[in-house]
Amino acid sequence: MKKINLVLAGACCLCALALQAQDGPQTHDGLQKDTLSTQPSQNYRPGQDLIKITSEDLPAAVRSALHGSEYKGWETATIYRNSGSDMYVVEIEEVDRIKIFKFDANGNPIKDN
């Protein structure tokens, strides 16, 4: 009887692990990431060569580019500067996804290939 209970408990643990592994990519607060707008490129590697900055640290040209309706909420976004180049990454967190935009120092959007 003990063996059967042990096998059943093990099966329950494995099922729970399998269900946990099936969840999609999530952010630190449990939000589902938008995989279309967050596919990393060779230029975007969080944590390696990106330095977190404030909106005041952005060049005026990038701040000006962010005033479009597409970038609504950028004022409270997480912003990074690439230490190896003049690329800026803006992560705008919405209710159900995170939008990621990249700009050069002149405020020109950088598109992923």
Protein backbone atom coordinates (compact mmCIF):
# COMPACT_ATOMS: atom_id res chain seq x y z
CA MET A 1 0.00 0.00 0.00
CA LYS A 2 2.87 2.37 0.81
CA LYS A 3 4.38 1.77 -2.63
CA ILE A 4 1.13 2.70 -4.36
CA ASN A 5 0.84 5.92 -2.34
CA LEU A 6 4.46 6.77 -3.16
CA VAL A 7 3.91 6.16 -6.87
CA LEU A 8 0.75 8.29 -6.85
CA ALA A 9 2.51 11.13 -5.02
CA GLY A 10 5.37 11.00 -7.54
CA ALA A 11 2.94 11.05 -10.46
CA CYS A 12 1.19 14.12 -9.00
CA CYS A 13 4.53 15.93 -8.67
CA LEU A 14 5.47 15.12 -12.26
CA CYS A 15 2.09 16.34 -13.54
CA ALA A 16 2.47 19.60 -11.62
CA LEU A 17 5.95 20.14 -13.08
CA ALA A 18 4.70 19.40 -16.59
CA LEU A 19 1.87 21.91 -16.23
CA GLN A 20 4.27 24.56 -14.91
CA ALA A 21 6.61 24.02 -17.87
CA GLN A 22 3.79 24.60 -20.38
CA ASP A 23 3.27 28.24 -19.41
CA GLY A 24 4.52 30.74 -21.99
CA PRO A 25 7.30 33.24 -21.37
CA GLN A 26 6.44 35.64 -18.57
CA THR A 27 7.87 38.79 -17.10
CA HIS A 28 9.03 39.15 -13.52
CA ASP A 29 5.51 40.11 -12.42
CA GLY A 30 3.70 37.28 -14.23
CA LEU A 31 2.59 39.20 -17.33
CA GLN A 32 2.60 37.26 -20.58
CA LYS A 33 5.22 38.63 -22.96
CA ASP A 34 4.25 39.59 -26.49
CA THR A 35 6.53 37.26 -28.45
CA LEU A 36 6.10 39.23 -31.66
CA SER A 37 7.51 42.46 -30.28
CA THR A 38 10.04 40.96 -27.89
CA GLN A 39 11.99 38.55 -30.03
CA PRO A 40 15.57 39.35 -29.14
CA SER A 41 17.94 40.29 -31.92
CA GLN A 42 21.70 40.20 -31.89
CA ASN A 43 21.65 43.85 -30.76
CA TYR A 44 19.34 43.29 -27.79
CA ARG A 45 20.79 41.12 -25.05
CA PRO A 46 19.33 42.16 -21.68
CA GLY A 47 21.80 42.24 -18.84
CA GLN A 48 24.96 41.86 -20.93
CA ASP A 49 25.75 45.22 -22.46
CA LEU A 50 22.67 47.27 -21.53
CA ILE A 51 22.73 49.88 -18.80
CA LYS A 52 19.46 50.96 -17.21
CA ILE A 53 18.95 54.73 -17.48
CA THR A 54 16.20 57.25 -16.72
CA SER A 55 14.13 59.15 -19.26
CA GLU A 56 16.12 62.29 -18.43
CA ASP A 57 19.28 60.54 -19.67
CA LEU A 58 17.82 60.01 -23.15
CA PRO A 59 19.11 62.26 -25.94
CA ALA A 60 16.65 64.98 -26.96
CA ALA A 61 16.21 63.38 -30.39
CA VAL A 62 15.09 60.07 -28.86
CA ARG A 63 12.72 61.82 -26.43
CA SER A 64 11.23 63.73 -29.36
CA ALA A 65 10.73 60.50 -31.33
CA LEU A 66 8.91 58.94 -28.38
CA HIS A 67 6.12 61.52 -28.45
CA GLY A 68 4.24 59.58 -31.15
CA SER A 69 1.01 57.77 -30.22
CA GLU A 70 2.70 54.41 -30.87
CA TYR A 71 4.91 55.02 -27.81
CA LYS A 72 2.18 55.93 -25.34
CA GLY A 73 3.37 55.31 -21.78
CA TRP A 74 7.09 55.68 -22.51
CA GLU A 75 7.46 58.11 -19.62
CA THR A 76 7.12 55.24 -17.14
CA ALA A 77 8.92 52.65 -19.30
CA THR A 78 12.14 50.85 -18.49
CA ILE A 79 14.92 52.38 -20.59
CA TYR A 80 18.36 50.99 -21.40
CA ARG A 81 21.43 52.31 -23.21
CA ASN A 82 23.75 49.91 -24.98
CA SER A 83 27.24 50.45 -23.57
CA GLY A 84 28.90 49.29 -26.79
CA SER A 85 26.93 51.51 -29.18
CA ASP A 86 24.52 54.43 -29.25
CA MET A 87 21.42 52.23 -29.16
CA TYR A 88 18.59 52.90 -26.71
CA VAL A 89 15.98 50.28 -25.76
CA VAL A 90 12.57 51.30 -24.40
CA GLU A 91 10.37 48.63 -22.77
CA ILE A 92 6.78 49.84 -22.44
CA GLU A 93 4.79 47.59 -20.12
CA GLU A 94 1.10 47.27 -20.92
CA VAL A 95 -1.59 45.27 -19.15
CA ASP A 96 -1.05 42.06 -21.12
CA ARG A 97 2.34 42.49 -22.85
CA ILE A 98 5.60 44.37 -23.08
CA LYS A 99 6.49 46.39 -26.16
CA ILE A 100 10.15 46.88 -26.98
CA PHE A 101 11.41 49.71 -29.17
CA LYS A 102 14.98 50.48 -30.17
CA PHE A 103 16.42 53.80 -31.29
CA ASP A 104 19.78 55.18 -32.30
CA ALA A 105 21.13 58.37 -30.73
CA ASN A 106 19.49 60.46 -33.49
CA GLY A 107 16.00 59.17 -32.59
CA ASN A 108 15.73 56.87 -35.62
CA PRO A 109 13.92 53.59 -34.91
CA ILE A 110 16.02 50.44 -35.27
CA LYS A 111 14.13 47.58 -36.88
CA ASP A 112 15.04 43.94 -36.31
CA ASN A 113 15.87 41.92 -39.39
